[in-house]
């Protein structure tokens, strides 16, 4: 039962569809392109503000509410350790309940990179009475942020629909992206300026492709965020990132 903590609650609903291993971008019903100024939009508090405005994050406080299950607290501490070990230590947001559920916390903090702030967020997945950690950073966080704005405003998705279509639910999901691209963890050298991640949501699958087109201050990058939520939502969002 490595990295899984038992939770006392009796039952939780919401099974996610399994993700594929390949890269596949079906033609979405709706496609959008939006700019993302990293120095402004990429701050963890700005991303948290988007989530709060969309009502996905609620009842924010400095600490987890006292009625939070101890199993959830243990997993939150595990995610916090992972964030801190990777230098995501700045600009920590309050802890918030996802859709009012005290045992579904959501929070963020950032790592300041040469190209701009890298917002890292943590949450938990509760399934079959077990709670497991989830963390996502960089271009995945930016894609979720812009998708909440677009799908909330242009397609009138409510908070529950946004949460179900965008927030990862895949147990033990981790995405430690950097704005420079994929790095060698031993040397810190750039392996590739492209990065791909696929994760499960309650509605289906999200596939994210990030390219650091000009990984220098003042340069640019691009995120293709493909949302395959079955009958509920189909959309492709292209985020043009402007580095600091």
C-alpha atoms as a PDB file:
ATOM      1  CA  UNK A   1       0.000   0.000   0.000  1.00  0.00           C
ATOM      2  CA  UNK A   2       2.856   2.337  -0.803  1.00  0.00           C
ATOM      3  CA  UNK A   3       1.876   6.028  -0.862  1.00  0.00           C
ATOM      4  CA  UNK A   4      -1.772   5.210  -0.140  1.00  0.00           C
ATOM      5  CA  UNK A   5      -3.437   6.241   3.089  1.00  0.00           C
ATOM      6  CA  UNK A   6      -6.764   4.824   4.285  1.00  0.00           C
ATOM      7  CA  UNK A   7      -9.588   7.288   4.907  1.00  0.00           C
ATOM      8  CA  UNK A   8     -12.420   6.680   7.322  1.00  0.00           C
ATOM      9  CA  UNK A   9     -15.278   7.835   5.092  1.00  0.00           C
ATOM     10  CA  UNK A  10     -17.562   5.065   3.893  1.00  0.00           C
ATOM     11  CA  UNK A  11     -17.755   5.696   0.139  1.00  0.00           C
ATOM     12  CA  UNK A  12     -16.807   8.146  -2.569  1.00  0.00           C
ATOM     13  CA  UNK A  13     -18.107   8.254  -6.119  1.00  0.00           C
ATOM     14  CA  UNK A  14     -16.666   9.321  -9.474  1.00  0.00           C
ATOM     15  CA  UNK A  15     -14.604   6.811 -11.412  1.00  0.00           C
ATOM     16  CA  UNK A  16     -12.305   8.216 -14.089  1.00  0.00           C
ATOM     17  CA  UNK A  17     -11.767   6.810 -17.526  1.00  0.00           C
ATOM     18  CA  UNK A  18      -8.397   5.225 -18.272  1.00  0.00           C
ATOM     19  CA  UNK A  19      -5.894   7.274 -20.251  1.00  0.00           C
ATOM     20  CA  UNK A  20      -4.019   6.094 -23.300  1.00  0.00           C
ATOM     21  CA  UNK A  21      -0.265   5.889 -23.592  1.00  0.00           C
ATOM     22  CA  UNK A  22       0.102   7.541 -27.011  1.00  0.00           C
ATOM     23  CA  UNK A  23      -0.325  11.133 -28.147  1.00  0.00           C
ATOM     24  CA  UNK A  24      -3.635  11.612 -29.902  1.00  0.00           C
ATOM     25  CA  UNK A  25      -5.437  14.877 -30.533  1.00  0.00           C
ATOM     26  CA  UNK A  26      -8.968  14.240 -31.850  1.00  0.00           C
ATOM     27  CA  UNK A  27     -10.611  17.209 -33.501  1.00  0.00           C
ATOM     28  CA  UNK A  28     -12.475  19.046 -30.737  1.00  0.00           C
ATOM     29  CA  UNK A  29     -15.849  20.685 -31.034  1.00  0.00           C
ATOM     30  CA  UNK A  30     -14.377  24.001 -29.880  1.00  0.00           C
ATOM     31  CA  UNK A  31     -10.884  25.427 -30.238  1.00  0.00           C
ATOM     32  CA  UNK A  32      -9.461  28.555 -28.603  1.00  0.00           C
ATOM     33  CA  UNK A  33      -6.175  30.458 -28.514  1.00  0.00           C
ATOM     34  CA  UNK A  34      -5.273  32.704 -25.591  1.00  0.00           C
ATOM     35  CA  UNK A  35      -2.206  34.621 -24.380  1.00  0.00           C
ATOM     36  CA  UNK A  36      -0.520  33.922 -21.048  1.00  0.00           C
ATOM     37  CA  UNK A  37       1.884  36.500 -19.605  1.00  0.00           C
ATOM     38  CA  UNK A  38       3.928  34.342 -17.275  1.00  0.00           C
ATOM     39  CA  UNK A  39       5.077  37.082 -14.902  1.00  0.00           C
ATOM     40  CA  UNK A  40       1.433  38.045 -14.226  1.00  0.00           C
ATOM     41  CA  UNK A  41      -0.783  35.051 -14.998  1.00  0.00           C
ATOM     42  CA  UNK A  42       1.671  32.385 -13.825  1.00  0.00           C
ATOM     43  CA  UNK A  43       1.862  33.398 -10.178  1.00  0.00           C
ATOM     44  CA  UNK A  44       0.381  30.791  -7.861  1.00  0.00           C
ATOM     45  CA  UNK A  45      -1.941  33.348  -6.265  1.00  0.00           C
ATOM     46  CA  UNK A  46      -3.220  34.397  -9.692  1.00  0.00           C
ATOM     47  CA  UNK A  47      -3.975  30.773 -10.613  1.00  0.00           C
ATOM     48  CA  UNK A  48      -5.628  30.236  -7.239  1.00  0.00           C
ATOM     49  CA  UNK A  49      -7.712  33.346  -7.913  1.00  0.00           C
ATOM     50  CA  UNK A  50      -8.955  31.811 -11.157  1.00  0.00           C
ATOM     51  CA  UNK A  51      -9.954  28.640  -9.316  1.00  0.00           C
ATOM     52  CA  UNK A  52     -11.725  30.633  -6.608  1.00  0.00           C
ATOM     53  CA  UNK A  53     -13.525  32.796  -9.178  1.00  0.00           C
ATOM     54  CA  UNK A  54     -14.715  29.607 -10.900  1.00  0.00           C
ATOM     55  CA  UNK A  55     -15.875  28.311  -7.485  1.00  0.00           C
ATOM     56  CA  UNK A  56     -13.731  25.192  -7.803  1.00  0.00           C
ATOM     57  CA  UNK A  57     -11.746  26.386  -4.766  1.00  0.00           C
ATOM     58  CA  UNK A  58     -13.854  27.439  -1.776  1.00  0.00           C
ATOM     59  CA  UNK A  59     -13.565  28.375   1.906  1.00  0.00           C
ATOM     60  CA  UNK A  60      -9.886  29.312   1.822  1.00  0.00           C
ATOM     61  CA  UNK A  61      -7.913  29.459   5.063  1.00  0.00           C
ATOM     62  CA  UNK A  62      -4.269  29.481   6.089  1.00  0.00           C
ATOM     63  CA  UNK A  63      -4.528  25.956   7.473  1.00  0.00           C
ATOM     64  CA  UNK A  64      -6.595  22.907   6.664  1.00  0.00           C
ATOM     65  CA  UNK A  65      -9.992  22.941   8.435  1.00  0.00           C
ATOM     66  CA  UNK A  66      -9.865  21.055  11.760  1.00  0.00           C
ATOM     67  CA  UNK A  67     -12.428  18.488  10.597  1.00  0.00           C
ATOM     68  CA  UNK A  68     -10.099  17.286   7.806  1.00  0.00           C
ATOM     69  CA  UNK A  69      -9.538  13.536   7.978  1.00  0.00           C
ATOM     70  CA  UNK A  70      -6.080  12.593   9.289  1.00  0.00           C
ATOM     71  CA  UNK A  71      -5.431  10.431   6.219  1.00  0.00           C
ATOM     72  CA  UNK A  72      -5.946  13.494   4.021  1.00  0.00           C
ATOM     73  CA  UNK A  73      -3.659  15.568   6.257  1.00  0.00           C
ATOM     74  CA  UNK A  74      -0.924  12.934   5.898  1.00  0.00           C
ATOM     75  CA  UNK A  75      -1.156  13.028   2.106  1.00  0.00           C
ATOM     76  CA  UNK A  76      -1.169  16.836   2.043  1.00  0.00           C
ATOM     77  CA  UNK A  77       2.044  16.777   4.078  1.00  0.00           C
ATOM     78  CA  UNK A  78       3.505  14.316   1.575  1.00  0.00           C
ATOM     79  CA  UNK A  79       2.694  16.620  -1.330  1.00  0.00           C
ATOM     80  CA  UNK A  80       4.086  19.593   0.592  1.00  0.00           C
ATOM     81  CA  UNK A  81       7.364  17.745   1.097  1.00  0.00           C
ATOM     82  CA  UNK A  82       7.570  16.946  -2.618  1.00  0.00           C
ATOM     83  CA  UNK A  83       6.908  20.585  -3.524  1.00  0.00           C
ATOM     84  CA  UNK A  84       9.504  21.890  -1.090  1.00  0.00           C
ATOM     85  CA  UNK A  85      12.137  19.398  -2.199  1.00  0.00           C
ATOM     86  CA  UNK A  86      11.713  20.779  -5.721  1.00  0.00           C
ATOM     87  CA  UNK A  87      11.948  24.417  -4.542  1.00  0.00           C
ATOM     88  CA  UNK A  88       8.229  25.211  -4.820  1.00  0.00           C
ATOM     89  CA  UNK A  89       8.399  27.279  -1.654  1.00  0.00           C
ATOM     90  CA  UNK A  90       7.250  30.800  -2.600  1.00  0.00           C
ATOM     91  CA  UNK A  91       3.892  32.562  -2.674  1.00  0.00           C
ATOM     92  CA  UNK A  92       1.912  29.810  -0.956  1.00  0.00           C
ATOM     93  CA  UNK A  93      -1.842  30.164  -1.350  1.00  0.00           C
ATOM     94  CA  UNK A  94      -4.351  29.359   1.398  1.00  0.00           C
ATOM     95  CA  UNK A  95      -5.687  25.834   1.645  1.00  0.00           C
ATOM     96  CA  UNK A  96      -9.107  25.596   0.053  1.00  0.00           C
ATOM     97  CA  UNK A  97     -11.857  23.022  -0.194  1.00  0.00           C
ATOM     98  CA  UNK A  98     -12.673  21.722  -3.656  1.00  0.00           C
ATOM     99  CA  UNK A  99     -16.398  22.347  -4.139  1.00  0.00           C
ATOM    100  CA  UNK A 100     -16.857  22.692  -0.403  1.00  0.00           C
ATOM    101  CA  UNK A 101     -15.527  19.216   0.476  1.00  0.00           C
ATOM    102  CA  UNK A 102     -13.138  19.517   3.404  1.00  0.00           C
ATOM    103  CA  UNK A 103     -11.419  16.263   2.395  1.00  0.00           C
ATOM    104  CA  UNK A 104     -10.698  17.508  -1.141  1.00  0.00           C
ATOM    105  CA  UNK A 105      -8.164  20.300  -0.459  1.00  0.00           C
ATOM    106  CA  UNK A 106      -6.554  22.407  -3.183  1.00  0.00           C
ATOM    107  CA  UNK A 107      -3.612  24.745  -2.732  1.00  0.00           C
ATOM    108  CA  UNK A 108      -0.558  26.075  -4.516  1.00  0.00           C
ATOM    109  CA  UNK A 109       2.883  27.642  -4.286  1.00  0.00           C
ATOM    110  CA  UNK A 110       5.528  28.540  -6.825  1.00  0.00           C
ATOM    111  CA  UNK A 111       9.144  28.111  -7.853  1.00  0.00           C
ATOM    112  CA  UNK A 112      10.784  31.129  -9.436  1.00  0.00           C
ATOM    113  CA  UNK A 113      12.643  30.099 -12.599  1.00  0.00           C
ATOM    114  CA  UNK A 114      14.725  32.176 -15.015  1.00  0.00           C
ATOM    115  CA  UNK A 115      11.780  32.361 -17.420  1.00  0.00           C
ATOM    116  CA  UNK A 116       9.203  33.284 -14.784  1.00  0.00           C
ATOM    117  CA  UNK A 117       7.126  31.819 -11.940  1.00  0.00           C
ATOM    118  CA  UNK A 118       6.275  28.124 -12.070  1.00  0.00           C
ATOM    119  CA  UNK A 119       2.973  27.524 -10.229  1.00  0.00           C
ATOM    120  CA  UNK A 120       2.751  24.155  -8.482  1.00  0.00           C
ATOM    121  CA  UNK A 121      -0.551  22.867  -7.091  1.00  0.00           C
ATOM    122  CA  UNK A 122      -1.520  19.971  -4.894  1.00  0.00           C
ATOM    123  CA  UNK A 123      -4.759  18.127  -4.259  1.00  0.00           C
ATOM    124  CA  UNK A 124      -5.904  14.654  -3.236  1.00  0.00           C
ATOM    125  CA  UNK A 125      -7.715  11.790  -4.904  1.00  0.00           C
ATOM    126  CA  UNK A 126     -10.110   9.733  -2.790  1.00  0.00           C
ATOM    127  CA  UNK A 127     -11.224   6.458  -4.307  1.00  0.00           C
ATOM    128  CA  UNK A 128     -12.420   3.213  -2.731  1.00  0.00           C
ATOM    129  CA  UNK A 129     -11.748   4.650   0.738  1.00  0.00           C
ATOM    130  CA  UNK A 130      -8.119   5.467  -0.029  1.00  0.00           C
ATOM    131  CA  UNK A 131      -6.571   8.898  -0.410  1.00  0.00           C
ATOM    132  CA  UNK A 132      -3.552   9.474  -2.653  1.00  0.00           C
ATOM    133  CA  UNK A 133      -1.489  12.563  -3.602  1.00  0.00           C
ATOM    134  CA  UNK A 134      -1.743  14.564  -6.829  1.00  0.00           C
ATOM    135  CA  UNK A 135       0.577  17.391  -7.887  1.00  0.00           C
ATOM    136  CA  UNK A 136       0.840  19.404 -11.105  1.00  0.00           C
ATOM    137  CA  UNK A 137       3.057  22.304 -12.123  1.00  0.00           C
ATOM    138  CA  UNK A 138       4.122  24.576 -14.969  1.00  0.00           C
ATOM    139  CA  UNK A 139       2.340  24.155 -18.262  1.00  0.00           C
ATOM    140  CA  UNK A 140      -0.281  21.768 -16.869  1.00  0.00           C
ATOM    141  CA  UNK A 141      -1.260  24.322 -14.237  1.00  0.00           C
ATOM    142  CA  UNK A 142      -1.313  27.086 -16.860  1.00  0.00           C
ATOM    143  CA  UNK A 143      -3.512  24.979 -19.129  1.00  0.00           C
ATOM    144  CA  UNK A 144      -5.991  24.315 -16.329  1.00  0.00           C
ATOM    145  CA  UNK A 145      -6.002  28.018 -15.444  1.00  0.00           C
ATOM    146  CA  UNK A 146      -6.821  29.234 -18.966  1.00  0.00           C
ATOM    147  CA  UNK A 147      -9.273  26.381 -19.577  1.00  0.00           C
ATOM    148  CA  UNK A 148     -11.253  27.400 -16.501  1.00  0.00           C
ATOM    149  CA  UNK A 149     -11.536  30.949 -17.796  1.00  0.00           C
ATOM    150  CA  UNK A 150     -12.529  29.950 -21.325  1.00  0.00           C
ATOM    151  CA  UNK A 151     -14.881  27.068 -20.560  1.00  0.00           C
ATOM    152  CA  UNK A 152     -16.488  28.948 -17.683  1.00  0.00           C
ATOM    153  CA  UNK A 153     -17.076  32.150 -19.650  1.00  0.00           C
ATOM    154  CA  UNK A 154     -17.598  30.957 -23.234  1.00  0.00           C
ATOM    155  CA  UNK A 155     -19.234  27.566 -22.686  1.00  0.00           C
ATOM    156  CA  UNK A 156     -20.916  28.345 -19.352  1.00  0.00           C
ATOM    157  CA  UNK A 157     -19.557  25.312 -17.531  1.00  0.00           C
ATOM    158  CA  UNK A 158     -20.322  25.437 -13.825  1.00  0.00           C
ATOM    159  CA  UNK A 159     -17.884  24.734 -10.991  1.00  0.00           C
ATOM    160  CA  UNK A 160     -18.631  21.009 -10.803  1.00  0.00           C
ATOM    161  CA  UNK A 161     -18.233  20.623 -14.564  1.00  0.00           C
ATOM    162  CA  UNK A 162     -14.935  22.537 -14.576  1.00  0.00           C
ATOM    163  CA  UNK A 163     -13.598  20.441 -11.716  1.00  0.00           C
ATOM    164  CA  UNK A 164     -14.700  17.214 -13.410  1.00  0.00           C
ATOM    165  CA  UNK A 165     -13.244  18.158 -16.790  1.00  0.00           C
ATOM    166  CA  UNK A 166      -9.918  19.699 -15.735  1.00  0.00           C
ATOM    167  CA  UNK A 167      -8.618  18.715 -12.280  1.00  0.00           C
ATOM    168  CA  UNK A 168      -6.540  15.497 -12.273  1.00  0.00           C
ATOM    169  CA  UNK A 169      -8.093  12.509 -10.510  1.00  0.00           C
ATOM    170  CA  UNK A 170      -5.503   9.903 -11.504  1.00  0.00           C
ATOM    171  CA  UNK A 171      -4.096   8.383  -8.316  1.00  0.00           C
ATOM    172  CA  UNK A 172      -0.463   9.326  -7.617  1.00  0.00           C
ATOM    173  CA  UNK A 173      -0.384  11.695 -10.612  1.00  0.00           C
ATOM    174  CA  UNK A 174       2.722  13.898 -10.593  1.00  0.00           C
ATOM    175  CA  UNK A 175       3.784  16.422 -13.217  1.00  0.00           C
ATOM    176  CA  UNK A 176       6.994  18.298 -12.386  1.00  0.00           C
ATOM    177  CA  UNK A 177       7.395  20.415 -15.504  1.00  0.00           C
ATOM    178  CA  UNK A 178       9.740  23.358 -16.027  1.00  0.00           C
ATOM    179  CA  UNK A 179       9.347  26.244 -18.470  1.00  0.00           C
ATOM    180  CA  UNK A 180      12.674  25.358 -20.108  1.00  0.00           C
ATOM    181  CA  UNK A 181      11.371  21.902 -21.087  1.00  0.00           C
ATOM    182  CA  UNK A 182      12.312  18.436 -19.887  1.00  0.00           C
ATOM    183  CA  UNK A 183      15.465  18.446 -17.760  1.00  0.00           C
ATOM    184  CA  UNK A 184      17.957  15.771 -16.784  1.00  0.00           C
ATOM    185  CA  UNK A 185      17.295  15.418 -13.026  1.00  0.00           C
ATOM    186  CA  UNK A 186      20.969  14.645 -12.389  1.00  0.00           C
ATOM    187  CA  UNK A 187      22.604  17.464 -14.345  1.00  0.00           C
ATOM    188  CA  UNK A 188      19.813  20.001 -14.794  1.00  0.00           C
ATOM    189  CA  UNK A 189      20.521  20.143 -18.543  1.00  0.00           C
ATOM    190  CA  UNK A 190      17.656  20.469 -21.023  1.00  0.00           C
ATOM    191  CA  UNK A 191      16.845  17.091 -22.586  1.00  0.00           C
ATOM    192  CA  UNK A 192      14.051  18.373 -24.806  1.00  0.00           C
ATOM    193  CA  UNK A 193      12.163  21.627 -25.282  1.00  0.00           C
ATOM    194  CA  UNK A 194       8.998  19.532 -25.712  1.00  0.00           C
ATOM    195  CA  UNK A 195       6.998  17.993 -22.888  1.00  0.00           C
ATOM    196  CA  UNK A 196       3.874  15.803 -22.927  1.00  0.00           C
ATOM    197  CA  UNK A 197       1.561  14.693 -20.128  1.00  0.00           C
ATOM    198  CA  UNK A 198      -1.752  12.831 -20.086  1.00  0.00           C
ATOM    199  CA  UNK A 199      -3.961  12.538 -17.042  1.00  0.00           C
ATOM    200  CA  UNK A 200      -7.384  11.277 -16.048  1.00  0.00           C
ATOM    201  CA  UNK A 201     -10.286  13.454 -14.960  1.00  0.00           C
ATOM    202  CA  UNK A 202     -13.760  12.505 -13.754  1.00  0.00           C
ATOM    203  CA  UNK A 203     -15.063  13.169 -17.264  1.00  0.00           C
ATOM    204  CA  UNK A 204     -12.280  11.570 -19.288  1.00  0.00           C
ATOM    205  CA  UNK A 205      -8.752  12.527 -20.313  1.00  0.00           C
ATOM    206  CA  UNK A 206      -6.661  15.675 -20.727  1.00  0.00           C
ATOM    207  CA  UNK A 207      -3.544  15.649 -22.902  1.00  0.00           C
ATOM    208  CA  UNK A 208      -1.075  18.501 -22.598  1.00  0.00           C
ATOM    209  CA  UNK A 209       1.721  19.253 -25.071  1.00  0.00           C
ATOM    210  CA  UNK A 210       4.187  21.992 -24.144  1.00  0.00           C
ATOM    211  CA  UNK A 211       6.890  23.446 -26.383  1.00  0.00           C
ATOM    212  CA  UNK A 212       9.485  25.969 -25.222  1.00  0.00           C
ATOM    213  CA  UNK A 213       9.838  27.754 -28.564  1.00  0.00           C
ATOM    214  CA  UNK A 214      12.310  30.346 -27.233  1.00  0.00           C
ATOM    215  CA  UNK A 215      13.445  29.298 -23.737  1.00  0.00           C
ATOM    216  CA  UNK A 216      15.081  32.646 -22.919  1.00  0.00           C
ATOM    217  CA  UNK A 217      13.854  35.690 -20.956  1.00  0.00           C
ATOM    218  CA  UNK A 218      11.569  37.588 -23.300  1.00  0.00           C
ATOM    219  CA  UNK A 219      10.978  34.427 -25.353  1.00  0.00           C
ATOM    220  CA  UNK A 220       7.874  32.341 -25.878  1.00  0.00           C
ATOM    221  CA  UNK A 221       6.385  28.927 -25.362  1.00  0.00           C
ATOM    222  CA  UNK A 222       3.124  27.256 -26.320  1.00  0.00           C
ATOM    223  CA  UNK A 223       0.748  24.814 -24.638  1.00  0.00           C
ATOM    224  CA  UNK A 224      -1.790  22.673 -26.482  1.00  0.00           C
ATOM    225  CA  UNK A 225      -4.398  21.552 -23.970  1.00  0.00           C
ATOM    226  CA  UNK A 226      -6.703  18.903 -25.383  1.00  0.00           C
ATOM    227  CA  UNK A 227      -9.748  18.143 -23.223  1.00  0.00           C
ATOM    228  CA  UNK A 228     -11.572  14.904 -24.039  1.00  0.00           C
ATOM    229  CA  UNK A 229     -14.481  14.750 -21.629  1.00  0.00           C
ATOM    230  CA  UNK A 230     -16.721  12.415 -23.602  1.00  0.00           C
ATOM    231  CA  UNK A 231     -20.186  13.861 -24.135  1.00  0.00           C
ATOM    232  CA  UNK A 232     -19.695  16.496 -21.455  1.00  0.00           C
ATOM    233  CA  UNK A 233     -16.953  18.667 -22.951  1.00  0.00           C
ATOM    234  CA  UNK A 234     -14.650  18.554 -25.941  1.00  0.00           C
ATOM    235  CA  UNK A 235     -12.228  21.428 -26.408  1.00  0.00           C
ATOM    236  CA  UNK A 236      -8.725  22.335 -27.491  1.00  0.00           C
ATOM    237  CA  UNK A 237      -7.075  25.349 -25.911  1.00  0.00           C
ATOM    238  CA  UNK A 238      -3.798  26.747 -27.209  1.00  0.00           C
ATOM    239  CA  UNK A 239      -1.982  28.916 -24.680  1.00  0.00           C
ATOM    240  CA  UNK A 240       0.714  31.246 -26.016  1.00  0.00           C
ATOM    241  CA  UNK A 241       3.122  31.826 -23.116  1.00  0.00           C
ATOM    242  CA  UNK A 242       5.207  35.006 -22.869  1.00  0.00           C
ATOM    243  CA  UNK A 243       8.253  34.580 -20.634  1.00  0.00           C
ATOM    244  CA  UNK A 244       9.439  37.255 -18.209  1.00  0.00           C
END
